[in-house]
C-alpha atoms as a PDB file:
ATOM      1  CA  MET A   1      -2.668-238.803-110.920  1.00  0.00           C
ATOM      2  CA  ASN A   2      -2.932-235.608-112.823  1.00  0.00           C
ATOM      3  CA  ILE A   3      -0.704-233.323-114.903  1.00  0.00           C
ATOM      4  CA  THR A   4      -0.094-230.971-111.944  1.00  0.00           C
ATOM      5  CA  LYS A   5       1.338-233.803-109.847  1.00  0.00           C
ATOM      6  CA  LEU A   6       3.596-234.985-112.765  1.00  0.00           C
ATOM      7  CA  GLN A   7       4.755-231.375-113.247  1.00  0.00           C
ATOM      8  CA  ILE A   8       5.732-231.226-109.536  1.00  0.00           C
ATOM      9  CA  VAL A   9       7.783-234.438-109.915  1.00  0.00           C
ATOM     10  CA  VAL A  10       9.677-232.955-112.887  1.00  0.00           C
ATOM     11  CA  LEU A  11      10.227-229.650-111.186  1.00  0.00           C
ATOM     12  CA  ILE A  12      11.401-231.247-107.912  1.00  0.00           C
ATOM     13  CA  GLU A  13      14.038-232.997-109.913  1.00  0.00           C
ATOM     14  CA  LYS A  14      15.086-229.713-111.482  1.00  0.00           C
ATOM     15  CA  TYR A  15      14.983-227.381-108.370  1.00  0.00           C
ATOM     16  CA  LYS A  16      15.289-229.742-105.390  1.00  0.00           C
ATOM     17  CA  LYS A  17      13.212-227.314-103.293  1.00  0.00           C
ATOM     18  CA  VAL A  18       9.458-227.214-102.730  1.00  0.00           C
ATOM     19  CA  THR A  19       9.419-223.391-102.373  1.00  0.00           C
ATOM     20  CA  ASP A  20      11.088-223.023-105.895  1.00  0.00           C
ATOM     21  CA  VAL A  21       8.573-225.541-107.389  1.00  0.00           C
ATOM     22  CA  ALA A  22       5.760-223.550-105.799  1.00  0.00           C
ATOM     23  CA  PHE A  23       7.026-220.294-107.210  1.00  0.00           C
ATOM     24  CA  GLU A  24       7.577-221.729-110.661  1.00  0.00           C
ATOM     25  CA  MET A  25       3.987-223.162-110.781  1.00  0.00           C
ATOM     26  CA  GLY A  26       2.385-220.115-109.162  1.00  0.00           C
ATOM     27  CA  LEU A  27       1.233-222.107-106.174  1.00  0.00           C
ATOM     28  CA  LYS A  28       1.699-221.873-102.462  1.00  0.00           C
ATOM     29  CA  GLN A  29       4.222-224.201-100.758  1.00  0.00           C
ATOM     30  CA  PRO A  30       1.540-226.055 -98.719  1.00  0.00           C
ATOM     31  CA  THR A  31      -0.411-226.805-101.932  1.00  0.00           C
ATOM     32  CA  VAL A  32       2.706-228.298-103.581  1.00  0.00           C
ATOM     33  CA  THR A  33       3.382-230.324-100.434  1.00  0.00           C
ATOM     34  CA  PHE A  34      -0.214-231.528-100.417  1.00  0.00           C
ATOM     35  CA  HIS A  35       0.091-232.779-104.103  1.00  0.00           C
ATOM     36  CA  MET A  36       3.371-234.499-103.281  1.00  0.00           C
ATOM     37  CA  LYS A  37       1.802-236.426-100.287  1.00  0.00           C
ATOM     38  CA  SER A  38      -1.243-237.112-102.309  1.00  0.00           C
ATOM     39  CA  LEU A  39       0.747-238.661-105.143  1.00  0.00           C
ATOM     40  CA  GLU A  40       2.702-240.858-102.689  1.00  0.00           C
ATOM     41  CA  SER A  41      -0.560-242.051-101.110  1.00  0.00           C
ATOM     42  CA  GLU A  42      -2.049-242.791-104.612  1.00  0.00           C
ATOM     43  CA  LEU A  43       0.935-244.764-105.571  1.00  0.00           C
ATOM     44  CA  GLY A  44       1.498-246.456-102.199  1.00  0.00           C
ATOM     45  CA  THR A  45       5.170-245.677-102.157  1.00  0.00           C
ATOM     46  CA  SER A  46       7.672-243.055-101.082  1.00  0.00           C
ATOM     47  CA  LEU A  47       8.630-240.791-103.994  1.00  0.00           C
ATOM     48  CA  PHE A  48      10.537-238.036-102.194  1.00  0.00           C
ATOM     49  CA  GLN A  49      13.276-237.922 -99.562  1.00  0.00           C
ATOM     50  CA  TYR A  50      14.288-234.848 -97.535  1.00  0.00           C
ATOM     51  CA  ARG A  51      17.980-234.227 -96.882  1.00  0.00           C
ATOM     52  CA  SER A  52      19.621-230.989 -95.830  1.00  0.00           C
ATOM     53  CA  GLY A  53      16.786-228.745 -96.876  1.00  0.00           C
ATOM     54  CA  ARG A  54      16.601-230.385-100.313  1.00  0.00           C
ATOM     55  CA  VAL A  55      13.941-232.726-101.709  1.00  0.00           C
ATOM     56  CA  LEU A  56      15.498-235.698-103.660  1.00  0.00           C
ATOM     57  CA  LEU A  57      13.638-238.352-105.667  1.00  0.00           C
ATOM     58  CA  THR A  58      13.707-241.955-104.459  1.00  0.00           C
ATOM     59  CA  ASP A  59      14.171-244.849-106.932  1.00  0.00           C
ATOM     60  CA  ALA A  60      10.440-244.893-107.431  1.00  0.00           C
ATOM     61  CA  GLY A  61      10.381-241.158-107.852  1.00  0.00           C
ATOM     62  CA  ARG A  62      13.027-241.390-110.520  1.00  0.00           C
ATOM     63  CA  ALA A  63      11.037-244.080-112.315  1.00  0.00           C
ATOM     64  CA  LEU A  64       7.914-241.790-112.285  1.00  0.00           C
ATOM     65  CA  TYR A  65      10.141-238.872-113.441  1.00  0.00           C
ATOM     66  CA  GLN A  66      11.097-240.791-116.467  1.00  0.00           C
ATOM     67  CA  TYR A  67       7.329-241.276-117.295  1.00  0.00           C
ATOM     68  CA  ALA A  68       6.500-237.734-116.489  1.00  0.00           C
ATOM     69  CA  VAL A  69       9.031-236.196-118.854  1.00  0.00           C
ATOM     70  CA  ARG A  70       7.555-238.135-121.766  1.00  0.00           C
END
């Protein structure tokens, strides 16, 4: 886990869209998606759920968000 992945969690909660997070961070959308999947793999749990074109945090994602904002 690195600071970039934690920033992505925080920004996903703020924007709810991967493209908006990518724009904010100056990254390409596939790079953000790669980091999201990598973080889920590292932690062994689902952190994000996709609904109607939006990305929402799961319970585990919200717990990580609380850690990330500190």
